[in-house]
Structures are given as C-alpha cells and as structure tokens.
Amino acid sequence: MHPLYHRLDSLKNIRIFMKYHVFAVWDFMSLLKSLQRKVTCIEVPWNDSSFSPELVRLVNEIVLGEESDMDREGRVMSHYSLYLNAMKELDAETDLIDNFSKNLNFDLLPREIREIVSYHLDLALNGEVHRVASSFFYGREKLIPEIFEPIVKVLKKSGHTDSLFQYYLERHIELDGDEHGPMAQKCIDLIGDTEVKLYEILETAEESLKIRKKLWDFILMEIEKA
C-alpha cells in the first residue's frame, strides 16, 4: 500500500489530493472514450463493429455509467462534473484544472502532472486498443475502491456525511468494485486473444502502475510540503 493512503486522514490533505487527482479523473475519461471510439462504431454511415457484440456492449455500458450517471439529486452528469462539484463543495482548489481544461495548455501544469496526463492522452489518441484497455483497467478501475474507502471514513468523522464527494466516492466504490471493474476485466479477456497482445497488455499495465505511483508520490510530496 502506498504511504499516501495513510496521509488522507484530514480534510486539508484530502483537498490537496483532489486538486491533483482530478487530472486522473479527466484523462480516465479520455481513455474510456478512446476505447469506445476504437471498439464501437461512432462513424456515419454506421457499420457493425469488427469486435464482438459482447465487447461493444460492455464498453458502451461503462461509458453510460461514467459519462451520464445520476447525481444524488437525480440530475444527469458525468463523473468528472460530479467530481468538480464535490471539489467546490469541500473548498478544494479548482483553478489548475479549470484553466487547463479551457485550452489544454500543458505549460500550466507541474512537471509531474504534465508527464502523467501526457502519457495517458498519447495512449488514448495513439495506443492500440488492448493497450488502452490495459491502462484503463489495471491503472484505474482496479485501484479505485482501495483508496476511496479510507477517504469516506474521514469524511464521515469530520461531519461531511452528506457531501457530494462522499456520494461520488461511494458511487465509484459501488460501480467500480461491483460492476465496472469486472466489466473492464471482461473487456481485457475478450481483447487479449493472442499471446502477443497478452504480453503487451501486461507491459502496459506495468507502465500504467508506475505512472499511477508517480501521481501518488507527487500528491504525497505536496501534502508533506503543506
């Protein structure tokens, strides 16, 4: 377990975590939309996908849940928008992600965040589908419940039992642990249909986990500096 997990023990540290983790939420959506673009048909005129209908359905179902879920008031929004709203409610700083998302100016970002986002965006734009799926699952979906559950405990202890962030976290723990995680693993199983692809899936998984560690290292450094 990364030492960052033990430092998410106060609202102050959680706010710092959110300030930078939101970039992982943003490029997570880019990986997911890359999967949708590569696996399903989004062109006109439409044509049947070259992938199995089961894989097409899995990807579309994950997109549905991530891009157009319900918030706690029953309003439709993406999980990215829900995360931003949760940041504002907890007074976490949003200027960095707000300014970056307007024009994708990478010069605005700290070097570590710039490298992390650049890696995932390049993979989303140019990576083969099995490599994208590997980064999406092993670097993201599989890890989420493990780090989110301790944060929920801190929010409850601090009296934020009805916060948007708690709703976001519990929703992700539910979806990613019970639904999207197994669905993403099924996608990997369907895509990794050759020995070469299986090797490259593991290769990309290892690299994605190194990138995720780099993010955790950076956030931990920022917390210790504060």
C-alpha atoms as a PDB file:
ATOM      1  CA  MET A   1       0.000   0.000   0.000  1.00  0.00           C
ATOM      2  CA  HIS A   2       1.345   3.441  -0.934  1.00  0.00           C
ATOM      3  CA  PRO A   3       2.094   5.743   2.047  1.00  0.00           C
ATOM      4  CA  LEU A   4      -0.226   8.363   0.551  1.00  0.00           C
ATOM      5  CA  TYR A   5      -3.195   6.272   1.666  1.00  0.00           C
ATOM      6  CA  HIS A   6      -2.260   6.844   5.319  1.00  0.00           C
ATOM      7  CA  ARG A   7      -1.956  10.604   4.825  1.00  0.00           C
ATOM      8  CA  LEU A   8      -5.525  11.059   3.559  1.00  0.00           C
ATOM      9  CA  ASP A   9      -6.546  11.478   7.185  1.00  0.00           C
ATOM     10  CA  SER A  10      -7.775  15.079   7.221  1.00  0.00           C
ATOM     11  CA  LEU A  11      -9.875  17.420   5.103  1.00  0.00           C
ATOM     12  CA  LYS A  12      -6.802  19.562   4.447  1.00  0.00           C
ATOM     13  CA  ASN A  13      -4.933  16.634   2.924  1.00  0.00           C
ATOM     14  CA  ILE A  14      -7.995  15.415   1.036  1.00  0.00           C
ATOM     15  CA  ARG A  15      -8.337  18.845  -0.578  1.00  0.00           C
ATOM     16  CA  ILE A  16      -4.738  18.638  -1.799  1.00  0.00           C
ATOM     17  CA  PHE A  17      -5.405  15.127  -3.070  1.00  0.00           C
ATOM     18  CA  MET A  18      -8.457  16.308  -5.013  1.00  0.00           C
ATOM     19  CA  LYS A  19      -6.596  19.246  -6.564  1.00  0.00           C
ATOM     20  CA  TYR A  20      -4.322  16.844  -8.443  1.00  0.00           C
ATOM     21  CA  HIS A  21      -6.318  13.626  -8.578  1.00  0.00           C
ATOM     22  CA  VAL A  22      -8.932  15.409 -10.704  1.00  0.00           C
ATOM     23  CA  PHE A  23      -6.447  15.193 -13.599  1.00  0.00           C
ATOM     24  CA  ALA A  24      -6.598  11.410 -13.324  1.00  0.00           C
ATOM     25  CA  VAL A  25     -10.396  11.648 -13.494  1.00  0.00           C
ATOM     26  CA  TRP A  26     -10.104  13.765 -16.652  1.00  0.00           C
ATOM     27  CA  ASP A  27      -7.652  11.551 -18.512  1.00  0.00           C
ATOM     28  CA  PHE A  28      -9.510   8.451 -17.296  1.00  0.00           C
ATOM     29  CA  MET A  29     -12.447   9.704 -19.375  1.00  0.00           C
ATOM     30  CA  SER A  30     -10.124  10.151 -22.358  1.00  0.00           C
ATOM     31  CA  LEU A  31      -9.011   6.512 -22.078  1.00  0.00           C
ATOM     32  CA  LEU A  32     -12.625   5.386 -21.836  1.00  0.00           C
ATOM     33  CA  LYS A  33     -13.743   7.421 -24.851  1.00  0.00           C
ATOM     34  CA  SER A  34     -10.746   6.077 -26.757  1.00  0.00           C
ATOM     35  CA  LEU A  35     -11.988   2.562 -26.016  1.00  0.00           C
ATOM     36  CA  GLN A  36     -15.438   3.492 -27.236  1.00  0.00           C
ATOM     37  CA  ARG A  37     -14.038   5.021 -30.410  1.00  0.00           C
ATOM     38  CA  LYS A  38     -11.863   2.008 -31.165  1.00  0.00           C
ATOM     39  CA  VAL A  39     -14.338  -0.750 -30.220  1.00  0.00           C
ATOM     40  CA  THR A  40     -17.737   0.614 -31.239  1.00  0.00           C
ATOM     41  CA  CYS A  41     -18.871   2.338 -34.408  1.00  0.00           C
ATOM     42  CA  ILE A  42     -19.222   6.097 -33.936  1.00  0.00           C
ATOM     43  CA  GLU A  43     -18.974   6.903 -37.645  1.00  0.00           C
ATOM     44  CA  VAL A  44     -21.667   7.830 -40.150  1.00  0.00           C
ATOM     45  CA  PRO A  45     -22.770   5.871 -42.073  1.00  0.00           C
ATOM     46  CA  TRP A  46     -22.863   3.263 -39.316  1.00  0.00           C
ATOM     47  CA  ASN A  47     -21.348  -0.167 -39.753  1.00  0.00           C
ATOM     48  CA  ASP A  48     -21.180  -3.143 -37.417  1.00  0.00           C
ATOM     49  CA  SER A  49     -18.093  -3.256 -35.214  1.00  0.00           C
ATOM     50  CA  SER A  50     -15.336  -5.711 -36.058  1.00  0.00           C
ATOM     51  CA  PHE A  51     -15.248  -6.606 -32.352  1.00  0.00           C
ATOM     52  CA  SER A  52     -17.649  -8.979 -30.654  1.00  0.00           C
ATOM     53  CA  PRO A  53     -21.102  -7.597 -29.738  1.00  0.00           C
ATOM     54  CA  GLU A  54     -20.385  -8.559 -26.128  1.00  0.00           C
ATOM     55  CA  LEU A  55     -17.332  -6.300 -26.039  1.00  0.00           C
ATOM     56  CA  VAL A  56     -19.243  -3.453 -27.725  1.00  0.00           C
ATOM     57  CA  ARG A  57     -21.975  -3.712 -25.100  1.00  0.00           C
ATOM     58  CA  LEU A  58     -19.501  -3.777 -22.201  1.00  0.00           C
ATOM     59  CA  VAL A  59     -17.733  -0.629 -23.399  1.00  0.00           C
ATOM     60  CA  ASN A  60     -20.988   1.225 -24.053  1.00  0.00           C
ATOM     61  CA  GLU A  61     -22.325   0.292 -20.616  1.00  0.00           C
ATOM     62  CA  ILE A  62     -19.203   1.612 -18.911  1.00  0.00           C
ATOM     63  CA  VAL A  63     -19.439   4.851 -20.928  1.00  0.00           C
ATOM     64  CA  LEU A  64     -23.092   5.229 -19.952  1.00  0.00           C
ATOM     65  CA  GLY A  65     -22.249   4.968 -16.265  1.00  0.00           C
ATOM     66  CA  GLU A  66     -19.219   7.268 -16.384  1.00  0.00           C
ATOM     67  CA  GLU A  67     -20.394   9.942 -18.823  1.00  0.00           C
ATOM     68  CA  SER A  68     -24.075  10.229 -17.935  1.00  0.00           C
ATOM     69  CA  ASP A  69     -24.699   8.931 -14.427  1.00  0.00           C
ATOM     70  CA  MET A  70     -27.141  10.412 -11.908  1.00  0.00           C
ATOM     71  CA  ASP A  71     -26.046  12.650  -9.061  1.00  0.00           C
ATOM     72  CA  ARG A  72     -27.705  12.333  -5.663  1.00  0.00           C
ATOM     73  CA  GLU A  73     -30.477  14.737  -6.764  1.00  0.00           C
ATOM     74  CA  GLY A  74     -31.254  12.647  -9.824  1.00  0.00           C
ATOM     75  CA  ARG A  75     -29.600  15.043 -12.278  1.00  0.00           C
ATOM     76  CA  VAL A  76     -27.681  13.541 -15.188  1.00  0.00           C
ATOM     77  CA  MET A  77     -23.975  14.417 -15.302  1.00  0.00           C
ATOM     78  CA  SER A  78     -20.581  12.891 -15.926  1.00  0.00           C
ATOM     79  CA  HIS A  79     -18.488  11.652 -13.036  1.00  0.00           C
ATOM     80  CA  TYR A  80     -15.928  14.306 -13.978  1.00  0.00           C
ATOM     81  CA  SER A  81     -18.505  17.078 -13.467  1.00  0.00           C
ATOM     82  CA  LEU A  82     -19.640  15.436 -10.252  1.00  0.00           C
ATOM     83  CA  TYR A  83     -16.033  15.416  -9.031  1.00  0.00           C
ATOM     84  CA  LEU A  84     -15.594  19.119  -9.836  1.00  0.00           C
ATOM     85  CA  ASN A  85     -18.785  19.971  -7.954  1.00  0.00           C
ATOM     86  CA  ALA A  86     -17.544  17.935  -4.998  1.00  0.00           C
ATOM     87  CA  MET A  87     -14.248  19.835  -5.047  1.00  0.00           C
ATOM     88  CA  LYS A  88     -16.060  23.159  -4.881  1.00  0.00           C
ATOM     89  CA  GLU A  89     -18.288  21.980  -2.043  1.00  0.00           C
ATOM     90  CA  LEU A  90     -15.234  20.976   0.029  1.00  0.00           C
ATOM     91  CA  ASP A  91     -13.318  24.158  -0.935  1.00  0.00           C
ATOM     92  CA  ALA A  92     -10.664  22.239  -2.850  1.00  0.00           C
ATOM     93  CA  GLU A  93      -8.767  24.355  -5.361  1.00  0.00           C
ATOM     94  CA  THR A  94     -10.088  24.016  -8.936  1.00  0.00           C
ATOM     95  CA  ASP A  95      -8.171  26.828 -10.673  1.00  0.00           C
ATOM     96  CA  LEU A  96      -5.499  24.499 -12.061  1.00  0.00           C
ATOM     97  CA  ILE A  97      -7.885  22.034 -13.705  1.00  0.00           C
ATOM     98  CA  ASP A  98     -10.262  24.820 -14.790  1.00  0.00           C
ATOM     99  CA  ASN A  99      -7.522  26.755 -16.571  1.00  0.00           C
ATOM    100  CA  PHE A 100      -6.004  23.630 -18.114  1.00  0.00           C
ATOM    101  CA  SER A 101      -9.296  22.281 -19.442  1.00  0.00           C
ATOM    102  CA  LYS A 102     -10.060  25.533 -21.278  1.00  0.00           C
ATOM    103  CA  ASN A 103      -7.260  25.175 -23.819  1.00  0.00           C
ATOM    104  CA  LEU A 104      -5.179  22.119 -22.770  1.00  0.00           C
ATOM    105  CA  ASN A 105      -2.160  24.296 -22.012  1.00  0.00           C
ATOM    106  CA  PHE A 106       0.278  21.763 -20.545  1.00  0.00           C
ATOM    107  CA  ASP A 107       2.681  24.556 -19.546  1.00  0.00           C
ATOM    108  CA  LEU A 108       0.285  25.415 -16.715  1.00  0.00           C
ATOM    109  CA  LEU A 109       0.836  22.065 -15.028  1.00  0.00           C
ATOM    110  CA  PRO A 110       3.529  20.955 -12.596  1.00  0.00           C
ATOM    111  CA  ARG A 111       6.064  18.792 -14.404  1.00  0.00           C
ATOM    112  CA  GLU A 112       4.917  15.556 -12.779  1.00  0.00           C
ATOM    113  CA  ILE A 113       1.243  16.139 -13.602  1.00  0.00           C
ATOM    114  CA  ARG A 114       2.151  17.193 -17.135  1.00  0.00           C
ATOM    115  CA  GLU A 115       4.051  13.937 -17.703  1.00  0.00           C
ATOM    116  CA  ILE A 116       1.227  11.820 -16.276  1.00  0.00           C
ATOM    117  CA  VAL A 117      -1.531  13.470 -18.308  1.00  0.00           C
ATOM    118  CA  SER A 118       0.603  13.491 -21.467  1.00  0.00           C
ATOM    119  CA  TYR A 119       1.246   9.758 -21.147  1.00  0.00           C
ATOM    120  CA  HIS A 120      -2.425   8.864 -20.870  1.00  0.00           C
ATOM    121  CA  LEU A 121      -3.570  11.304 -23.540  1.00  0.00           C
ATOM    122  CA  ASP A 122      -0.988   9.986 -26.004  1.00  0.00           C
ATOM    123  CA  LEU A 123      -2.075   6.437 -25.216  1.00  0.00           C
ATOM    124  CA  ALA A 124      -5.741   7.362 -25.683  1.00  0.00           C
ATOM    125  CA  LEU A 125      -5.033   9.017 -29.043  1.00  0.00           C
ATOM    126  CA  ASN A 126      -2.454   6.654 -30.494  1.00  0.00           C
ATOM    127  CA  GLY A 127      -2.398   3.422 -28.497  1.00  0.00           C
ATOM    128  CA  GLU A 128      -3.650   0.066 -29.728  1.00  0.00           C
ATOM    129  CA  VAL A 129      -6.967  -0.922 -28.246  1.00  0.00           C
ATOM    130  CA  HIS A 130      -5.599  -3.670 -25.983  1.00  0.00           C
ATOM    131  CA  ARG A 131      -3.022  -1.279 -24.533  1.00  0.00           C
ATOM    132  CA  VAL A 132      -5.698   1.359 -23.881  1.00  0.00           C
ATOM    133  CA  ALA A 133      -7.879  -1.243 -22.198  1.00  0.00           C
ATOM    134  CA  SER A 134      -4.951  -2.369 -20.070  1.00  0.00           C
ATOM    135  CA  SER A 135      -4.207   1.132 -18.792  1.00  0.00           C
ATOM    136  CA  PHE A 136      -7.900   1.799 -18.228  1.00  0.00           C
ATOM    137  CA  PHE A 137      -8.385  -1.321 -16.125  1.00  0.00           C
ATOM    138  CA  TYR A 138      -5.112  -2.031 -14.325  1.00  0.00           C
ATOM    139  CA  GLY A 139      -4.110   1.606 -13.810  1.00  0.00           C
ATOM    140  CA  ARG A 140      -7.558   2.877 -12.874  1.00  0.00           C
ATOM    141  CA  GLU A 141     -10.635   0.738 -12.279  1.00  0.00           C
ATOM    142  CA  LYS A 142      -8.949  -1.958 -10.207  1.00  0.00           C
ATOM    143  CA  LEU A 143      -7.346   0.551  -7.827  1.00  0.00           C
ATOM    144  CA  ILE A 144     -10.250   2.855  -7.069  1.00  0.00           C
ATOM    145  CA  PRO A 145     -12.114   1.084  -4.231  1.00  0.00           C
ATOM    146  CA  GLU A 146      -8.879   0.522  -2.298  1.00  0.00           C
ATOM    147  CA  ILE A 147      -8.024   4.217  -1.982  1.00  0.00           C
ATOM    148  CA  PHE A 148     -11.547   5.654  -1.822  1.00  0.00           C
ATOM    149  CA  GLU A 149     -12.817   3.659   1.153  1.00  0.00           C
ATOM    150  CA  PRO A 150     -10.438   5.313   3.696  1.00  0.00           C
ATOM    151  CA  ILE A 151     -11.442   8.783   2.439  1.00  0.00           C
ATOM    152  CA  VAL A 152     -15.102   8.010   3.073  1.00  0.00           C
ATOM    153  CA  LYS A 153     -14.240   7.243   6.699  1.00  0.00           C
ATOM    154  CA  VAL A 154     -12.524  10.641   7.112  1.00  0.00           C
ATOM    155  CA  LEU A 155     -15.489  12.477   5.593  1.00  0.00           C
ATOM    156  CA  LYS A 156     -17.853  10.739   7.992  1.00  0.00           C
ATOM    157  CA  LYS A 157     -15.676  11.527  11.011  1.00  0.00           C
ATOM    158  CA  SER A 158     -15.421  15.193  10.004  1.00  0.00           C
ATOM    159  CA  GLY A 159     -19.176  15.569   9.708  1.00  0.00           C
ATOM    160  CA  HIS A 160     -19.336  15.617   5.894  1.00  0.00           C
ATOM    161  CA  THR A 161     -21.670  12.656   5.813  1.00  0.00           C
ATOM    162  CA  ASP A 162     -23.866  14.161   3.116  1.00  0.00           C
ATOM    163  CA  SER A 163     -21.194  15.693   0.912  1.00  0.00           C
ATOM    164  CA  LEU A 164     -21.035  15.367  -2.858  1.00  0.00           C
ATOM    165  CA  PHE A 165     -17.577  13.865  -2.548  1.00  0.00           C
ATOM    166  CA  GLN A 166     -18.830  11.112  -0.279  1.00  0.00           C
ATOM    167  CA  TYR A 167     -21.581  10.412  -2.811  1.00  0.00           C
ATOM    168  CA  TYR A 168     -19.006  10.360  -5.618  1.00  0.00           C
ATOM    169  CA  LEU A 169     -16.713   8.017  -3.701  1.00  0.00           C
ATOM    170  CA  GLU A 170     -19.425   5.612  -2.631  1.00  0.00           C
ATOM    171  CA  ARG A 171     -20.857   5.614  -6.153  1.00  0.00           C
ATOM    172  CA  HIS A 172     -17.442   4.713  -7.568  1.00  0.00           C
ATOM    173  CA  ILE A 173     -16.809   2.082  -4.938  1.00  0.00           C
ATOM    174  CA  GLU A 174     -20.152   0.553  -5.892  1.00  0.00           C
ATOM    175  CA  LEU A 175     -19.708   0.827  -9.663  1.00  0.00           C
ATOM    176  CA  ASP A 176     -16.018   0.052  -9.949  1.00  0.00           C
ATOM    177  CA  GLY A 177     -15.924  -2.682  -7.354  1.00  0.00           C
ATOM    178  CA  ASP A 178     -19.147  -4.454  -8.309  1.00  0.00           C
ATOM    179  CA  GLU A 179     -19.792  -3.542 -11.951  1.00  0.00           C
ATOM    180  CA  HIS A 180     -17.223  -1.580 -13.962  1.00  0.00           C
ATOM    181  CA  GLY A 181     -14.197  -3.386 -12.560  1.00  0.00           C
ATOM    182  CA  PRO A 182     -15.445  -6.854 -13.551  1.00  0.00           C
ATOM    183  CA  MET A 183     -16.731  -5.440 -16.844  1.00  0.00           C
ATOM    184  CA  ALA A 184     -13.341  -3.917 -17.621  1.00  0.00           C
ATOM    185  CA  GLN A 185     -11.667  -7.240 -16.784  1.00  0.00           C
ATOM    186  CA  LYS A 186     -14.063  -8.972 -19.177  1.00  0.00           C
ATOM    187  CA  CYS A 187     -13.052  -6.458 -21.855  1.00  0.00           C
ATOM    188  CA  ILE A 188      -9.412  -7.376 -21.280  1.00  0.00           C
ATOM    189  CA  ASP A 189     -10.261 -11.071 -21.572  1.00  0.00           C
ATOM    190  CA  LEU A 190     -12.046 -10.507 -24.889  1.00  0.00           C
ATOM    191  CA  ILE A 191      -9.364  -8.227 -26.368  1.00  0.00           C
ATOM    192  CA  GLY A 192      -6.336 -10.230 -25.250  1.00  0.00           C
ATOM    193  CA  ASP A 193      -6.882 -13.013 -27.755  1.00  0.00           C
ATOM    194  CA  THR A 194      -3.247 -13.647 -28.729  1.00  0.00           C
ATOM    195  CA  GLU A 195      -0.035 -14.284 -26.829  1.00  0.00           C
ATOM    196  CA  VAL A 196       1.470 -11.085 -28.223  1.00  0.00           C
ATOM    197  CA  LYS A 197      -1.478  -8.985 -27.061  1.00  0.00           C
ATOM    198  CA  LEU A 198      -1.407 -10.600 -23.615  1.00  0.00           C
ATOM    199  CA  TYR A 199       2.270  -9.713 -23.280  1.00  0.00           C
ATOM    200  CA  GLU A 200       1.635  -6.135 -24.385  1.00  0.00           C
ATOM    201  CA  ILE A 201      -1.335  -5.873 -22.020  1.00  0.00           C
ATOM    202  CA  LEU A 202       0.927  -6.818 -19.105  1.00  0.00           C
ATOM    203  CA  GLU A 203       3.637  -4.476 -20.368  1.00  0.00           C
ATOM    204  CA  THR A 204       1.215  -1.544 -20.493  1.00  0.00           C
ATOM    205  CA  ALA A 205      -0.268  -2.486 -17.126  1.00  0.00           C
ATOM    206  CA  GLU A 206       3.181  -2.310 -15.532  1.00  0.00           C
ATOM    207  CA  GLU A 207       3.880   1.075 -17.103  1.00  0.00           C
ATOM    208  CA  SER A 208       0.462   2.427 -16.069  1.00  0.00           C
ATOM    209  CA  LEU A 209       1.025   1.353 -12.472  1.00  0.00           C
ATOM    210  CA  LYS A 210       4.389   3.145 -12.495  1.00  0.00           C
ATOM    211  CA  ILE A 211       2.614   6.264 -13.760  1.00  0.00           C
ATOM    212  CA  ARG A 212      -0.026   5.946 -11.045  1.00  0.00           C
ATOM    213  CA  LYS A 213       2.722   5.626  -8.412  1.00  0.00           C
ATOM    214  CA  LYS A 214       4.278   8.792  -9.802  1.00  0.00           C
ATOM    215  CA  LEU A 215       0.965  10.584  -9.224  1.00  0.00           C
ATOM    216  CA  TRP A 216       0.698   9.260  -5.665  1.00  0.00           C
ATOM    217  CA  ASP A 217       4.346  10.250  -4.992  1.00  0.00           C
ATOM    218  CA  PHE A 218       3.688  13.785  -6.234  1.00  0.00           C
ATOM    219  CA  ILE A 219       0.496  14.222  -4.192  1.00  0.00           C
ATOM    220  CA  LEU A 220       2.230  12.890  -1.087  1.00  0.00           C
ATOM    221  CA  MET A 221       5.063  15.378  -1.645  1.00  0.00           C
ATOM    222  CA  GLU A 222       2.547  18.233  -1.919  1.00  0.00           C
ATOM    223  CA  ILE A 223       0.827  17.135   1.287  1.00  0.00           C
ATOM    224  CA  GLU A 224       4.143  16.984   3.148  1.00  0.00           C
ATOM    225  CA  LYS A 225       5.129  20.410   1.825  1.00  0.00           C
ATOM    226  CA  ALA A 226       1.846  21.864   3.085  1.00  0.00           C
END
